[in-house]
Each structure stands twice: as structure tokens, then as C-alpha cells.
C-alpha atoms as a PDB file:
ATOM      1  CA  MET A   1       0.000   0.000   0.000  1.00  0.00           C
ATOM      2  CA  SER A   2       1.348   3.472  -0.889  1.00  0.00           C
ATOM      3  CA  ALA A   3       2.707   5.755   1.797  1.00  0.00           C
ATOM      4  CA  LEU A   4       3.501   9.437   2.242  1.00  0.00           C
ATOM      5  CA  MET A   5       6.451  11.121   3.888  1.00  0.00           C
ATOM      6  CA  ILE A   6       5.488  14.595   5.053  1.00  0.00           C
ATOM      7  CA  ALA A   7       8.166  17.015   6.224  1.00  0.00           C
ATOM      8  CA  ARG A   8       7.570  20.324   7.975  1.00  0.00           C
ATOM      9  CA  ILE A   9      10.657  22.493   7.667  1.00  0.00           C
ATOM     10  CA  THR A  10      12.176  25.688   8.993  1.00  0.00           C
ATOM     11  CA  VAL A  11      15.287  26.665   7.030  1.00  0.00           C
ATOM     12  CA  LYS A  12      18.389  27.665   9.019  1.00  0.00           C
ATOM     13  CA  ASP A  13      20.946  27.773   6.173  1.00  0.00           C
ATOM     14  CA  ALA A  14      19.433  28.170   2.691  1.00  0.00           C
ATOM     15  CA  GLU A  15      22.510  26.941   0.794  1.00  0.00           C
ATOM     16  CA  LYS A  16      22.870  23.760   2.851  1.00  0.00           C
ATOM     17  CA  PHE A  17      19.149  23.134   2.703  1.00  0.00           C
ATOM     18  CA  GLN A  18      19.057  23.415  -1.108  1.00  0.00           C
ATOM     19  CA  ASP A  19      22.030  21.035  -1.310  1.00  0.00           C
ATOM     20  CA  TYR A  20      20.194  18.599   0.977  1.00  0.00           C
ATOM     21  CA  LEU A  21      17.030  18.751  -1.162  1.00  0.00           C
ATOM     22  CA  ALA A  22      18.888  18.111  -4.407  1.00  0.00           C
ATOM     23  CA  ARG A  23      20.896  15.217  -3.003  1.00  0.00           C
ATOM     24  CA  THR A  24      17.968  13.651  -1.165  1.00  0.00           C
ATOM     25  CA  GLN A  25      15.785  13.538  -4.269  1.00  0.00           C
ATOM     26  CA  LYS A  26      18.500  11.559  -6.062  1.00  0.00           C
ATOM     27  CA  VAL A  27      18.932   9.180  -3.123  1.00  0.00           C
ATOM     28  CA  ALA A  28      15.169   8.640  -2.694  1.00  0.00           C
ATOM     29  CA  ALA A  29      14.427   7.981  -6.386  1.00  0.00           C
ATOM     30  CA  PRO A  30      15.584   4.314  -6.341  1.00  0.00           C
ATOM     31  CA  TYR A  31      13.049   3.689  -3.548  1.00  0.00           C
ATOM     32  CA  GLY A  32      10.187   4.869  -5.735  1.00  0.00           C
ATOM     33  CA  ALA A  33       9.868   8.343  -4.200  1.00  0.00           C
ATOM     34  CA  GLU A  34       7.697  10.786  -6.105  1.00  0.00           C
ATOM     35  CA  LEU A  35       7.670  14.433  -5.040  1.00  0.00           C
ATOM     36  CA  LEU A  36       4.015  15.451  -4.805  1.00  0.00           C
ATOM     37  CA  PHE A  37       4.356  18.884  -3.243  1.00  0.00           C
ATOM     38  CA  ARG A  38       6.918  21.373  -2.005  1.00  0.00           C
ATOM     39  CA  GLY A  39       5.817  24.835  -1.014  1.00  0.00           C
ATOM     40  CA  ARG A  40       5.941  27.653   1.485  1.00  0.00           C
ATOM     41  CA  ALA A  41       3.426  27.927   4.292  1.00  0.00           C
ATOM     42  CA  ASP A  42       1.009  30.740   3.572  1.00  0.00           C
ATOM     43  CA  ARG A  43      -0.928  31.024   6.813  1.00  0.00           C
ATOM     44  CA  ALA A  44      -2.185  28.869   9.644  1.00  0.00           C
ATOM     45  CA  LEU A  45      -5.839  28.013   9.307  1.00  0.00           C
ATOM     46  CA  ASN A  46      -5.840  26.467  12.768  1.00  0.00           C
ATOM     47  CA  GLY A  47      -3.083  26.237  15.375  1.00  0.00           C
ATOM     48  CA  ALA A  48       0.440  27.575  15.152  1.00  0.00           C
ATOM     49  CA  ASN A  49       2.259  28.066  11.859  1.00  0.00           C
ATOM     50  CA  ASP A  50       5.585  26.842  13.209  1.00  0.00           C
ATOM     51  CA  HIS A  51       7.318  26.005   9.919  1.00  0.00           C
ATOM     52  CA  GLN A  52       8.196  27.696   6.629  1.00  0.00           C
ATOM     53  CA  ILE A  53       8.015  24.870   4.085  1.00  0.00           C
ATOM     54  CA  ALA A  54       6.181  21.578   3.658  1.00  0.00           C
ATOM     55  CA  VAL A  55       7.269  18.657   1.479  1.00  0.00           C
ATOM     56  CA  ILE A  56       5.126  15.653   0.599  1.00  0.00           C
ATOM     57  CA  ALA A  57       6.654  12.633  -1.130  1.00  0.00           C
ATOM     58  CA  LYS A  58       4.835   9.453  -2.116  1.00  0.00           C
ATOM     59  CA  PHE A  59       6.534   6.059  -1.823  1.00  0.00           C
ATOM     60  CA  PRO A  60       5.266   2.616  -2.878  1.00  0.00           C
ATOM     61  CA  SER A  61       5.034   1.530   0.789  1.00  0.00           C
ATOM     62  CA  LEU A  62       6.027   2.322   4.372  1.00  0.00           C
ATOM     63  CA  ALA A  63       8.772  -0.284   3.966  1.00  0.00           C
ATOM     64  CA  LYS A  64      10.266   1.722   1.076  1.00  0.00           C
ATOM     65  CA  ILE A  65      10.266   4.881   3.220  1.00  0.00           C
ATOM     66  CA  ASP A  66      12.113   2.974   5.944  1.00  0.00           C
ATOM     67  CA  GLU A  67      14.576   1.509   3.413  1.00  0.00           C
ATOM     68  CA  TRP A  68      15.328   4.992   2.051  1.00  0.00           C
ATOM     69  CA  TYR A  69      15.616   6.604   5.497  1.00  0.00           C
ATOM     70  CA  ASP A  70      17.899   3.834   6.806  1.00  0.00           C
ATOM     71  CA  SER A  71      19.934   3.481   3.586  1.00  0.00           C
ATOM     72  CA  ASP A  72      23.698   3.946   3.553  1.00  0.00           C
ATOM     73  CA  ALA A  73      23.269   6.652   0.897  1.00  0.00           C
ATOM     74  CA  TYR A  74      20.933   8.745   3.077  1.00  0.00           C
ATOM     75  CA  GLN A  75      22.924   8.561   6.323  1.00  0.00           C
ATOM     76  CA  PRO A  76      25.465  11.298   5.436  1.00  0.00           C
ATOM     77  CA  LEU A  77      22.615  13.571   4.332  1.00  0.00           C
ATOM     78  CA  LYS A  78      21.105  13.596   7.830  1.00  0.00           C
ATOM     79  CA  ALA A  79      23.888  15.877   9.108  1.00  0.00           C
ATOM     80  CA  LEU A  80      23.414  18.205   6.121  1.00  0.00           C
ATOM     81  CA  ARG A  81      19.645  18.191   6.780  1.00  0.00           C
ATOM     82  CA  ASP A  82      20.166  19.156  10.414  1.00  0.00           C
ATOM     83  CA  GLU A  83      22.704  21.871   9.581  1.00  0.00           C
ATOM     84  CA  GLY A  84      20.419  23.393   6.950  1.00  0.00           C
ATOM     85  CA  SER A  85      17.051  23.073   8.674  1.00  0.00           C
ATOM     86  CA  ASP A  86      14.892  22.120  11.587  1.00  0.00           C
ATOM     87  CA  MET A  87      12.737  19.355  10.133  1.00  0.00           C
ATOM     88  CA  GLN A  88       9.961  17.116  11.360  1.00  0.00           C
ATOM     89  CA  MET A  89       9.428  14.084   9.120  1.00  0.00           C
ATOM     90  CA  THR A  90       6.459  11.745   9.475  1.00  0.00           C
ATOM     91  CA  SER A  91       5.337   8.732   7.455  1.00  0.00           C
ATOM     92  CA  TYR A  92       1.718   7.786   6.755  1.00  0.00           C
ATOM     93  CA  GLU A  93       0.251   4.713   5.099  1.00  0.00           C
ATOM     94  CA  LEU A  94      -2.478   5.586   2.607  1.00  0.00           C
ATOM     95  CA  THR A  95      -5.647   3.756   3.486  1.00  0.00           C
ATOM     96  CA  ALA A  96      -8.023   5.167   0.914  1.00  0.00           C
END
């Protein structure tokens, strides 16, 4: 069953963050990742707007998200991610 990875992001270093995005897309592609959305937060409709950017990527399954996230190729990108941004990443299995 397909799954989504949703990231809520506040950028700390724009150059490092852009490098992270470019490299991560290449690393995630072999796991079937498809970028569905990347955009800036406009306004909070309810609750706090505590991030600047949201990213939604679709994977073939939760297992593929885990394989990508735990892959040897992604491990060095985690430090770049953390230097360039504060990011909350969550995975969701699509049920409908």
C-alpha cells in the first residue's frame, strides 16, 4: 500500500538546505519516491504556523520509506539536513 512522507521544515541555512534537497531527491528515487508537493506555508488556518516549508513525497510503501531513510546513501545527508534546517518528518500509510 502506498505511503507518504510529510516534512515540515524551517530553514536555518538556505545553501545547505538546497544542497540537501537536491541530493535527497537523487537518493530517494531508487526507492520509488515521487515528489508530490513542495511549497511555502502561507498562513495557519488552525493552530500555530511553526514552519516555513512543507514537502510531501509518495513512496510505494512504508517499507520503502524505511529503506530509504535507513539506507547507507541517506545517512550522510542527515547531518546536512540538520545543519540546513529544523525538520519534522512523518510517514503515513495511505488507506483510501
